[in-house]
Each structure stands twice: as structure tokens, then as C-alpha cells.
Amino acid sequence: MSQSYPRHIDFESVPNFRDLGGYRAHDGRTVAWRRLFRSAAFHKMNDRDMARLKQEISPRAVIDLRSPKDPEKDREGPLLKEIGARHYPIPFSTWPWPTASKRPEQPETAQGVKDLPDFQWEVSAESMTAFLSLLRQEYGSADGYLKANGAGSSLVDRLKVALLV
């Protein structure tokens, strides 16, 4: 899929929803358009936007990196199931979203998360450049990062086939 699309997708109830397609990988290929997305506050998606998400994007899986929440208030799990998407809650932290001043008072947060530099909690071109530089320095590549965190070679290969063109 080499066609390009608008990066930002405007939903009325979800800010910062965007397509990650078109970004170049280190091997010269690019992330395929309309295969990998990111959003903020996905849990706030209203029914009209949820219907539009199903019709225009039709996600098969949603990986939720937010902190765990009360299962009684989990709105997106049932809604995602209704539109045919699997919901994978894989929290980055076990504590509510940290701020630089509160991170060291969070005993349930893994030490590695607490030790992250402040720029890691920002969304900017500079923070992404710094993150990717540190990732390469520490793991050599995204492949190295995935493998160091338990992903087998077959999973990495399947991700490349599914996401890169």
C-alpha cells in the first residue's frame, strides 16, 4: 500500500488520532498506510466516532498502554469487541499517568519507568529523536528492543511483513 493518506484523522471525541504510515524504517521500507495508528484518550470515543472508526479503519487490534483502570468502567473493551477489534491492555505503568514531580513517590511503578528522563513523557519531535537515539544505543534497533523484551524472531518477522512496505 504505497498510497499516502492524511496523517491526522479528525474525530470529534478523540484528540491526536493519527496514521503512522509513511514513516521510513532503517532498511529503507516505510510503514504501510492505514495499518498502524495511535491516539490519545481513546476511552473517550463517542458512539458516532466508534461507528466511523469501524467503517473507515476497521481495526483488528487495539493495544492500550494506559494504566489499569476499574474494570467496571471499561467502556472500550466491549465497544471494540462490538466492532470486531481485540483489546489488549498492556499498561506501560501500574500507576496513574506519572508526572516528573510525582514519579519517584510511585512505589508500584517499575524502577526502569521511574528512571526515564523527563523528555520521555513529552510528545515532541525532539523527544522522539532522543528516544530513537537511545533505543539504537541500548538495543541496536527496534528489532533488538523487541527481542530483548521477549519477542521471538518469528513475531518480529511477522510484524515487518504486516507493517512495512
Foldseek 3Di string as FASTA:
>chain_A
DPDDDDQDDDDPFWPPKGWLWPPAFPVGWTWHTLQDIDTPPPQRHDPVVLVVCLVPRNEAEDEAQFADDDPVSRPVCVSCVVSNHHYHDDHQFNDHDDALVCLVVDPRGDPVVSPDDRLCSDDDPVSVVVVQVVCCVVQVHVVSVCVVVPDDPVVVVVCCVRTTD
